Amino acid sequence: MSYLNEEQHKIVSSAVAEAELTTSGEIVTVLADRSDDYNDVALWWAAGLGFTAMSLFAALPEPFLSFWDMLIGGWSHEWTTGELASMTIGLGILTFVIMLGLQQWQPLKFFIIPNPVKTSRAHEQAIKHFKVGAERRTVGATGVLIYLSMREHRAEIVADDSIAEKVEAEVWGEAMGDMLVRIRKGQIAEGMAAGVRDVGFVLSQHFPRGEEDENELPDRLIEV
């Protein structure tokens, strides 16, 4: 799924090129639709509700059995142990399948994912992109990744160790704030460009551009 058109891509890429004019640091930008498919979380929800349904049936069978008797015409039925066991298992399986099916609707699936899980998966994915696209890919190990994951509403800024030693996490928090103000308004490209400019300013203070500095990493926005 593409969030930005060609012109919007240019806004971010131009911001990266401009920011790198004053620093030897290299800025990589990544825009992701999602950080994970969360199929394991969907299975846990389905299994949990399936088990809950079976537990409720075991604890309070009468409402379930009365409802079943009503469905078959109101005739009471003497339930054997085997039939009750089959009813319990069947109810659990049915609940599991229904819950798994409901989560195929993506808005619901992402709504019920716990926030700590979203944050953790987005961070893990940002680290993966950083290791592939920026970590120690420059002569001075001065790479910074700005990562935005749309479905989770999460953003990350990851920097090489040489940068992390000089720049405290709170400084990146300010850049993140400027970026998210625009993104919350739907201005994704402008928001990322604002984050890039802030990161570029910070880098220029600690890693000013040298006379022989070369552009070592692509300026273009990576959309995945």
Foldseek 3Di string as FASTA:
>chain_A
DDLDDPVLLCLQLVLQVVLCQWFLAHEAEEEEQALDPCPVVLQVVLQVVLVVQLVCCVVDVVVVQQVVCVVVPVDHDDDDPVNSVVVSNVSSVVSSVVSSVVVVPPVVVLVPDDLVVRAVSQVVSQVVCCVVAQQVLHPVRRYWYWYAHNSSRDIDIDGYPVVCVPDPPVQLVVLQVQLVVCVVVVSNSVSSSSSSNSVSVSRSVVGTDDPPRDNRHRSTYHYD
